[in-house]
C-alpha atoms as a PDB file:
ATOM      1  CA  MET A   1     -38.635 -35.431   3.755  1.00  0.00           C
ATOM      2  CA  ARG A   2     -36.551 -36.100   6.597  1.00  0.00           C
ATOM      3  CA  ILE A   3     -33.617 -38.474   5.821  1.00  0.00           C
ATOM      4  CA  SER A   4     -32.142 -40.381   8.881  1.00  0.00           C
ATOM      5  CA  THR A   5     -29.851 -42.997   7.234  1.00  0.00           C
ATOM      6  CA  ARG A   6     -26.374 -43.111   8.295  1.00  0.00           C
ATOM      7  CA  ARG A   7     -23.988 -43.999   5.333  1.00  0.00           C
ATOM      8  CA  PRO A   8     -23.749 -41.299   2.560  1.00  0.00           C
ATOM      9  CA  ALA A   9     -24.370 -43.795  -0.119  1.00  0.00           C
ATOM     10  CA  ASP A  10     -27.629 -44.915   1.552  1.00  0.00           C
ATOM     11  CA  VAL A  11     -28.770 -41.313   1.873  1.00  0.00           C
ATOM     12  CA  ALA A  12     -28.018 -40.920  -1.854  1.00  0.00           C
ATOM     13  CA  HIS A  13     -30.176 -43.901  -2.724  1.00  0.00           C
ATOM     14  CA  GLU A  14     -33.051 -43.103  -0.450  1.00  0.00           C
ATOM     15  CA  VAL A  15     -33.373 -39.290  -1.822  1.00  0.00           C
ATOM     16  CA  GLU A  16     -32.958 -40.945  -5.337  1.00  0.00           C
ATOM     17  CA  ALA A  17     -36.088 -42.945  -4.459  1.00  0.00           C
ATOM     18  CA  LEU A  18     -38.104 -40.254  -3.004  1.00  0.00           C
ATOM     19  CA  PHE A  19     -37.190 -38.075  -6.077  1.00  0.00           C
ATOM     20  CA  ARG A  20     -38.728 -40.545  -8.452  1.00  0.00           C
ATOM     21  CA  GLU A  21     -41.711 -40.335  -6.194  1.00  0.00           C
ATOM     22  CA  GLY A  22     -41.907 -36.438  -6.788  1.00  0.00           C
ATOM     23  CA  ARG A  23     -40.470 -35.349  -3.529  1.00  0.00           C
ATOM     24  CA  ARG A  24     -38.203 -32.004  -4.000  1.00  0.00           C
ATOM     25  CA  ASP A  25     -37.672 -31.058  -0.447  1.00  0.00           C
ATOM     26  CA  PHE A  26     -35.097 -33.062   1.751  1.00  0.00           C
ATOM     27  CA  VAL A  27     -33.938 -32.427   5.497  1.00  0.00           C
ATOM     28  CA  ILE A  28     -30.933 -34.544   6.606  1.00  0.00           C
ATOM     29  CA  GLU A  29     -31.026 -35.407  10.179  1.00  0.00           C
ATOM     30  CA  ARG A  30     -27.786 -34.698  12.033  1.00  0.00           C
ATOM     31  CA  ILE A  31     -26.063 -37.661  13.505  1.00  0.00           C
ATOM     32  CA  ASP A  32     -22.636 -36.109  13.865  1.00  0.00           C
ATOM     33  CA  HIS A  33     -23.570 -32.711  15.305  1.00  0.00           C
ATOM     34  CA  GLY A  34     -22.860 -30.892  12.120  1.00  0.00           C
ATOM     35  CA  GLY A  35     -19.562 -32.701  11.499  1.00  0.00           C
ATOM     36  CA  MET A  36     -17.807 -34.498   8.538  1.00  0.00           C
ATOM     37  CA  LEU A  37     -20.284 -37.610   8.409  1.00  0.00           C
ATOM     38  CA  ASP A  38     -23.305 -34.775   8.157  1.00  0.00           C
ATOM     39  CA  LEU A  39     -21.542 -32.987   5.685  1.00  0.00           C
ATOM     40  CA  GLU A  40     -20.724 -35.930   3.698  1.00  0.00           C
ATOM     41  CA  ARG A  41     -24.341 -37.370   3.867  1.00  0.00           C
ATOM     42  CA  LEU A  42     -25.751 -33.800   2.922  1.00  0.00           C
ATOM     43  CA  GLY A  43     -23.361 -33.663  -0.255  1.00  0.00           C
ATOM     44  CA  ALA A  44     -24.700 -37.086  -1.277  1.00  0.00           C
ATOM     45  CA  ALA A  45     -28.311 -35.705  -0.903  1.00  0.00           C
ATOM     46  CA  ARG A  46     -27.536 -32.680  -3.041  1.00  0.00           C
ATOM     47  CA  TYR A  47     -25.966 -34.736  -5.690  1.00  0.00           C
ATOM     48  CA  ALA A  48     -28.691 -37.271  -5.759  1.00  0.00           C
ATOM     49  CA  ALA A  49     -31.583 -34.808  -5.389  1.00  0.00           C
ATOM     50  CA  GLY A  50     -30.224 -32.538  -8.372  1.00  0.00           C
ATOM     51  CA  LEU A  51     -30.247 -28.525  -8.780  1.00  0.00           C
ATOM     52  CA  GLN A  52     -34.231 -28.399  -8.606  1.00  0.00           C
ATOM     53  CA  SER A  53     -34.582 -29.713  -5.167  1.00  0.00           C
ATOM     54  CA  LYS A  54     -34.090 -28.265  -1.696  1.00  0.00           C
ATOM     55  CA  VAL A  55     -31.707 -29.944   0.594  1.00  0.00           C
ATOM     56  CA  GLU A  56     -30.556 -28.842   3.890  1.00  0.00           C
ATOM     57  CA  LEU A  57     -29.204 -30.077   7.305  1.00  0.00           C
ATOM     58  CA  GLU A  58     -31.583 -29.881  10.091  1.00  0.00           C
ATOM     59  CA  ALA A  59     -31.111 -27.088  12.679  1.00  0.00           C
ATOM     60  CA  GLU A  60     -29.134 -28.293  15.626  1.00  0.00           C
ATOM     61  CA  ALA A  61     -31.504 -28.460  18.747  1.00  0.00           C
ATOM     62  CA  PRO A  62     -30.038 -25.646  21.312  1.00  0.00           C
ATOM     63  CA  THR A  63     -27.941 -27.354  24.207  1.00  0.00           C
ATOM     64  CA  ALA A  64     -28.888 -27.045  27.881  1.00  0.00           C
ATOM     65  CA  LEU A  65     -25.934 -24.565  28.312  1.00  0.00           C
ATOM     66  CA  ALA A  66     -27.027 -22.411  25.380  1.00  0.00           C
ATOM     67  CA  MET A  67     -30.654 -22.421  26.765  1.00  0.00           C
ATOM     68  CA  ALA A  68     -29.341 -21.337  30.286  1.00  0.00           C
ATOM     69  CA  ARG A  69     -27.763 -18.284  28.991  1.00  0.00           C
END
C-alpha cells in the first residue's frame, strides 16, 4: 500500500488503520527526495506497522541528467 501523507504522525495513523485491515506491505512515497522528512515518515510508518510488516521508501525516479548518461 502506498502512503503519501505528509506529516509523520498522519503517516503512522494511516499505517495503523491499514494494518488493522490486514495490510502488511507499505511503500512511503518520497516527498523530500529521501531527506529528513522522508526518513521521519519512514520511521513513523515502521513503528506503527510493527516487526512483521514490510515498510520501505519508494525508489527515487531517475533524473533527466542521470538518464542522459
